[in-house]
Amino acid sequence: MVNGDYQGIEGRLLALFAEVMHVDIPSAQTDLFDTGILDSQKFVELLLHIEQNFHTHIDLANFEIENFRCVEKIATLILRQLESSKAMQPS
């Protein structure tokens, strides 16, 4: 994992929460479900925004709550998805 890519994704996620979903996340480790920041409706909204803003599709296999528990884990998931998409593209 490239650290700069990860930090950029994390920053974009925090901005997405603040600007689009109108929620300030205290830290990248804040549990989004336990704090009530994400519920089922907000979760679906988040998925749509991730796919639009990061131009990636979250595979059904990755729809585990643990992958979306905090911004840190979401950033890791997005980076994995982007790297996997790149690896599948012909050179």
C-alpha atoms as a PDB file:
ATOM      1  CA  MET A   1       0.000   0.000   0.000  1.00  0.00           C
ATOM      2  CA  VAL A   2       1.350   3.387  -0.917  1.00  0.00           C
ATOM      3  CA  ASN A   3       1.132   5.625   2.153  1.00  0.00           C
ATOM      4  CA  GLY A   4       0.500   8.841   0.186  1.00  0.00           C
ATOM      5  CA  ASP A   5      -2.383   7.252  -1.731  1.00  0.00           C
ATOM      6  CA  TYR A   6      -3.892   5.997   1.519  1.00  0.00           C
ATOM      7  CA  GLN A   7      -3.629   9.403   3.222  1.00  0.00           C
ATOM      8  CA  GLY A   8      -5.159  11.104   0.188  1.00  0.00           C
ATOM      9  CA  ILE A   9      -8.097   8.699   0.188  1.00  0.00           C
ATOM     10  CA  GLU A  10      -8.574   9.132   3.939  1.00  0.00           C
ATOM     11  CA  GLY A  11      -8.579  12.925   3.534  1.00  0.00           C
ATOM     12  CA  ARG A  12     -11.068  12.756   0.670  1.00  0.00           C
ATOM     13  CA  LEU A  13     -13.330  10.521   2.765  1.00  0.00           C
ATOM     14  CA  LEU A  14     -13.259  12.916   5.709  1.00  0.00           C
ATOM     15  CA  ALA A  15     -14.095  15.772   3.307  1.00  0.00           C
ATOM     16  CA  LEU A  16     -16.919  13.721   1.768  1.00  0.00           C
ATOM     17  CA  PHE A  17     -18.450  13.155   5.207  1.00  0.00           C
ATOM     18  CA  ALA A  18     -18.122  16.854   6.083  1.00  0.00           C
ATOM     19  CA  GLU A  19     -19.171  18.467   2.794  1.00  0.00           C
ATOM     20  CA  VAL A  20     -21.645  16.006   1.305  1.00  0.00           C
ATOM     21  CA  MET A  21     -23.077  14.128   4.274  1.00  0.00           C
ATOM     22  CA  HIS A  22     -22.748  17.117   6.669  1.00  0.00           C
ATOM     23  CA  VAL A  23     -21.091  15.093   9.427  1.00  0.00           C
ATOM     24  CA  ASP A  24     -17.787  15.863  11.127  1.00  0.00           C
ATOM     25  CA  ILE A  25     -15.802  12.756  11.997  1.00  0.00           C
ATOM     26  CA  PRO A  26     -13.567  13.286  15.076  1.00  0.00           C
ATOM     27  CA  SER A  27     -10.856  10.914  13.817  1.00  0.00           C
ATOM     28  CA  ALA A  28     -10.222   8.263  11.186  1.00  0.00           C
ATOM     29  CA  GLN A  29     -10.582   5.629  13.920  1.00  0.00           C
ATOM     30  CA  THR A  30     -14.036   6.790  15.146  1.00  0.00           C
ATOM     31  CA  ASP A  31     -16.542   3.919  15.010  1.00  0.00           C
ATOM     32  CA  LEU A  32     -19.161   5.194  12.577  1.00  0.00           C
ATOM     33  CA  PHE A  33     -21.846   2.726  13.653  1.00  0.00           C
ATOM     34  CA  ASP A  34     -21.403   2.834  17.443  1.00  0.00           C
ATOM     35  CA  THR A  35     -21.491   6.650  17.369  1.00  0.00           C
ATOM     36  CA  GLY A  36     -24.643   6.651  15.234  1.00  0.00           C
ATOM     37  CA  ILE A  37     -22.944   8.520  12.379  1.00  0.00           C
ATOM     38  CA  LEU A  38     -23.877   5.683  10.015  1.00  0.00           C
ATOM     39  CA  ASP A  39     -27.219   3.916   9.993  1.00  0.00           C
ATOM     40  CA  SER A  40     -28.642   1.786   7.176  1.00  0.00           C
ATOM     41  CA  GLN A  41     -29.842   4.787   5.151  1.00  0.00           C
ATOM     42  CA  LYS A  42     -26.592   6.758   5.570  1.00  0.00           C
ATOM     43  CA  PHE A  43     -24.633   3.603   4.749  1.00  0.00           C
ATOM     44  CA  VAL A  44     -26.347   3.309   1.354  1.00  0.00           C
ATOM     45  CA  GLU A  45     -25.771   7.027   0.759  1.00  0.00           C
ATOM     46  CA  LEU A  46     -22.090   6.582   1.646  1.00  0.00           C
ATOM     47  CA  LEU A  47     -21.719   3.695  -0.815  1.00  0.00           C
ATOM     48  CA  LEU A  48     -23.146   5.820  -3.624  1.00  0.00           C
ATOM     49  CA  HIS A  49     -20.822   8.712  -2.804  1.00  0.00           C
ATOM     50  CA  ILE A  50     -17.795   6.400  -2.629  1.00  0.00           C
ATOM     51  CA  GLU A  51     -18.575   4.924  -6.037  1.00  0.00           C
ATOM     52  CA  GLN A  52     -19.103   8.393  -7.560  1.00  0.00           C
ATOM     53  CA  ASN A  53     -16.159  10.163  -5.925  1.00  0.00           C
ATOM     54  CA  PHE A  54     -13.579   7.396  -6.204  1.00  0.00           C
ATOM     55  CA  HIS A  55     -14.795   5.960  -9.526  1.00  0.00           C
ATOM     56  CA  THR A  56     -14.801   2.451  -8.116  1.00  0.00           C
ATOM     57  CA  HIS A  57     -17.358  -0.239  -7.424  1.00  0.00           C
ATOM     58  CA  ILE A  58     -17.436  -1.951  -4.038  1.00  0.00           C
ATOM     59  CA  ASP A  59     -17.635  -5.686  -4.646  1.00  0.00           C
ATOM     60  CA  LEU A  60     -20.422  -7.586  -2.935  1.00  0.00           C
ATOM     61  CA  ALA A  61     -17.785  -9.708  -1.204  1.00  0.00           C
ATOM     62  CA  ASN A  62     -16.615  -6.564   0.650  1.00  0.00           C
ATOM     63  CA  PHE A  63     -20.038  -5.601   2.033  1.00  0.00           C
ATOM     64  CA  GLU A  64     -19.078  -6.540   5.562  1.00  0.00           C
ATOM     65  CA  ILE A  65     -19.833  -3.991   8.270  1.00  0.00           C
ATOM     66  CA  GLU A  66     -16.253  -4.304   9.554  1.00  0.00           C
ATOM     67  CA  ASN A  67     -14.977  -2.843   6.255  1.00  0.00           C
ATOM     68  CA  PHE A  68     -17.025   0.312   6.935  1.00  0.00           C
ATOM     69  CA  ARG A  69     -16.629   0.595  10.714  1.00  0.00           C
ATOM     70  CA  CYS A  70     -14.344   3.663  10.510  1.00  0.00           C
ATOM     71  CA  VAL A  71     -12.823   5.995   7.913  1.00  0.00           C
ATOM     72  CA  GLU A  72      -9.491   4.201   8.286  1.00  0.00           C
ATOM     73  CA  LYS A  73     -11.025   0.859   7.213  1.00  0.00           C
ATOM     74  CA  ILE A  74     -13.056   2.440   4.408  1.00  0.00           C
ATOM     75  CA  ALA A  75      -9.888   4.082   3.027  1.00  0.00           C
ATOM     76  CA  THR A  76      -8.109   0.718   3.109  1.00  0.00           C
ATOM     77  CA  LEU A  77     -11.013  -0.917   1.267  1.00  0.00           C
ATOM     78  CA  ILE A  78     -11.104   1.813  -1.407  1.00  0.00           C
ATOM     79  CA  LEU A  79      -7.343   1.588  -1.942  1.00  0.00           C
ATOM     80  CA  ARG A  80      -7.602  -2.205  -2.330  1.00  0.00           C
ATOM     81  CA  GLN A  81     -10.452  -1.781  -4.823  1.00  0.00           C
ATOM     82  CA  LEU A  82      -8.509   0.801  -6.843  1.00  0.00           C
ATOM     83  CA  GLU A  83      -5.351  -1.325  -6.865  1.00  0.00           C
ATOM     84  CA  SER A  84      -7.350  -4.381  -7.904  1.00  0.00           C
ATOM     85  CA  SER A  85      -9.000  -2.425 -10.748  1.00  0.00           C
ATOM     86  CA  LYS A  86      -5.598  -1.210 -11.940  1.00  0.00           C
ATOM     87  CA  ALA A  87      -4.165  -4.726 -11.870  1.00  0.00           C
ATOM     88  CA  MET A  88      -7.035  -5.979 -14.031  1.00  0.00           C
ATOM     89  CA  GLN A  89      -6.606  -3.304 -16.724  1.00  0.00           C
ATOM     90  CA  PRO A  90      -4.495  -4.249 -19.725  1.00  0.00           C
ATOM     91  CA  SER A  91      -1.195  -2.375 -19.945  1.00  0.00           C
END
